[in-house]
Structures are given as C-alpha cells and as structure tokens.
C-alpha atoms as a PDB file:
ATOM      1  CA  MET A   1     -22.717 -10.769   3.203  1.00  0.00           C
ATOM      2  CA  LEU A   2     -19.014  -9.919   3.247  1.00  0.00           C
ATOM      3  CA  GLN A   3     -16.803 -11.479   0.640  1.00  0.00           C
ATOM      4  CA  SER A   4     -13.589 -13.042   1.871  1.00  0.00           C
ATOM      5  CA  ILE A   5     -10.429 -11.435   0.506  1.00  0.00           C
ATOM      6  CA  ALA A   6      -8.988 -14.909  -0.109  1.00  0.00           C
ATOM      7  CA  THR A   7     -11.830 -15.818  -2.495  1.00  0.00           C
ATOM      8  CA  LYS A   8     -12.024 -12.470  -4.286  1.00  0.00           C
ATOM      9  CA  GLN A   9     -11.484 -12.658  -8.032  1.00  0.00           C
ATOM     10  CA  ARG A  10      -8.380 -10.627  -8.866  1.00  0.00           C
ATOM     11  CA  ILE A  11      -7.459  -9.237 -12.269  1.00  0.00           C
ATOM     12  CA  PRO A  12      -4.086  -8.555 -13.900  1.00  0.00           C
ATOM     13  CA  PHE A  13      -3.073  -4.886 -13.798  1.00  0.00           C
ATOM     14  CA  SER A  14      -3.072  -3.246 -17.229  1.00  0.00           C
ATOM     15  CA  LEU A  15      -1.434   0.094 -18.008  1.00  0.00           C
ATOM     16  CA  ALA A  16      -3.781   0.395 -20.984  1.00  0.00           C
ATOM     17  CA  ASP A  17      -6.866   0.313 -18.748  1.00  0.00           C
ATOM     18  CA  LYS A  18      -7.537   3.815 -17.398  1.00  0.00           C
ATOM     19  CA  LYS A  19      -9.691   2.389 -14.588  1.00  0.00           C
ATOM     20  CA  HIS A  20      -6.724   0.321 -13.360  1.00  0.00           C
ATOM     21  CA  VAL A  21      -4.423   3.338 -13.371  1.00  0.00           C
ATOM     22  CA  GLU A  22      -7.055   5.465 -11.609  1.00  0.00           C
ATOM     23  CA  SER A  23      -7.511   2.750  -8.977  1.00  0.00           C
ATOM     24  CA  TYR A  24      -3.763   2.840  -8.271  1.00  0.00           C
ATOM     25  CA  ARG A  25      -3.824   6.668  -8.193  1.00  0.00           C
ATOM     26  CA  THR A  26      -6.611   6.538  -5.599  1.00  0.00           C
ATOM     27  CA  PHE A  27      -4.600   4.015  -3.585  1.00  0.00           C
ATOM     28  CA  LEU A  28      -1.611   6.387  -3.569  1.00  0.00           C
ATOM     29  CA  LYS A  29      -3.800   9.293  -2.408  1.00  0.00           C
ATOM     30  CA  THR A  30      -5.711   7.408   0.301  1.00  0.00           C
ATOM     31  CA  GLY A  31      -3.369   4.585   1.301  1.00  0.00           C
ATOM     32  CA  ALA A  32      -6.170   2.029   0.868  1.00  0.00           C
ATOM     33  CA  TRP A  33      -7.702  -0.050  -1.913  1.00  0.00           C
ATOM     34  CA  GLY A  34     -11.237   0.343  -0.648  1.00  0.00           C
ATOM     35  CA  LYS A  35     -13.819  -1.949   0.926  1.00  0.00           C
ATOM     36  CA  THR A  36     -13.090  -4.949  -1.293  1.00  0.00           C
ATOM     37  CA  GLY A  37      -9.307  -4.797  -1.017  1.00  0.00           C
ATOM     38  CA  CYS A  38      -6.727  -4.873  -3.780  1.00  0.00           C
ATOM     39  CA  PRO A  39      -8.284  -5.870  -7.113  1.00  0.00           C
ATOM     40  CA  PHE A  40      -5.028  -6.887  -8.817  1.00  0.00           C
ATOM     41  CA  VAL A  41      -3.076 -10.134  -9.108  1.00  0.00           C
ATOM     42  CA  LEU A  42       0.448 -10.087  -7.691  1.00  0.00           C
ATOM     43  CA  GLU A  43       2.857 -11.212 -10.405  1.00  0.00           C
ATOM     44  CA  PHE A  44       6.209 -12.938  -9.964  1.00  0.00           C
ATOM     45  CA  PRO A  45       8.865 -11.735  -9.001  1.00  0.00           C
ATOM     46  CA  TYR A  46       7.207  -8.851  -7.123  1.00  0.00           C
ATOM     47  CA  LEU A  47       6.529  -8.916  -3.391  1.00  0.00           C
ATOM     48  CA  THR A  48       3.778  -6.273  -3.289  1.00  0.00           C
ATOM     49  CA  VAL A  49       1.156  -5.070  -5.742  1.00  0.00           C
ATOM     50  CA  PRO A  50       1.999  -1.362  -5.285  1.00  0.00           C
ATOM     51  CA  ASP A  51       5.676  -2.029  -6.097  1.00  0.00           C
ATOM     52  CA  MET A  52       4.676  -4.133  -9.098  1.00  0.00           C
ATOM     53  CA  ILE A  53       2.487  -1.343 -10.477  1.00  0.00           C
ATOM     54  CA  LYS A  54       5.118   1.304  -9.740  1.00  0.00           C
ATOM     55  CA  ASP A  55       7.715  -0.724 -11.648  1.00  0.00           C
ATOM     56  CA  LYS A  56       5.368  -1.172 -14.621  1.00  0.00           C
ATOM     57  CA  LEU A  57       4.565   2.551 -14.697  1.00  0.00           C
ATOM     58  CA  ILE A  58       8.238   3.544 -14.537  1.00  0.00           C
ATOM     59  CA  HIS A  59       9.241   1.135 -17.288  1.00  0.00           C
ATOM     60  CA  ASN A  60       6.372   2.335 -19.460  1.00  0.00           C
ATOM     61  CA  PHE A  61       7.091   6.033 -18.852  1.00  0.00           C
ATOM     62  CA  LEU A  62      10.818   5.647 -19.558  1.00  0.00           C
ATOM     63  CA  LYS A  63      10.124   3.274 -22.453  1.00  0.00           C
ATOM     64  CA  VAL A  64      12.439   0.659 -20.987  1.00  0.00           C
ATOM     65  CA  THR A  65      11.922  -3.051 -21.532  1.00  0.00           C
ATOM     66  CA  LYS A  66      12.921  -5.513 -18.861  1.00  0.00           C
ATOM     67  CA  LEU A  67      15.761  -7.940 -19.324  1.00  0.00           C
ATOM     68  CA  LYS A  68      14.675 -11.549 -19.082  1.00  0.00           C
END
C-alpha cells in the first residue's frame, strides 16, 4: 500500500544528525528524495526544503547566526 505524501510524518532537519546531512547530499547528487519523498519539515520563512537546508549549512559552516 502506498503512503500518501500528505500524511507522511516529516521530521525537522538537524545538522547534528549525519543521516539528515547524508539524505540531503543524496538529494543533491540525484535530484530526488527517494520513493517516500522529502522527509523534512519546511520551516518558516523558507519556501523550499532544499533552500532551507542550504541556508542552515551555510550559516553553520561560516559560523554566522541569523538576525531575528
């Protein structure tokens, strides 16, 4: 039985979780999240999950905190 994308349980992306980072790396290499779709929650104010993750990675790498 196929699971609907709308009812799939999504998780917050964590830079500390190596599986999350590897999942994003795979997405960048293949252009797809896989059979079950994107596993991550889209956070405000982002419009796409890949851009959200990219922003988090850049801020972490450059050791920059966001202004609130």
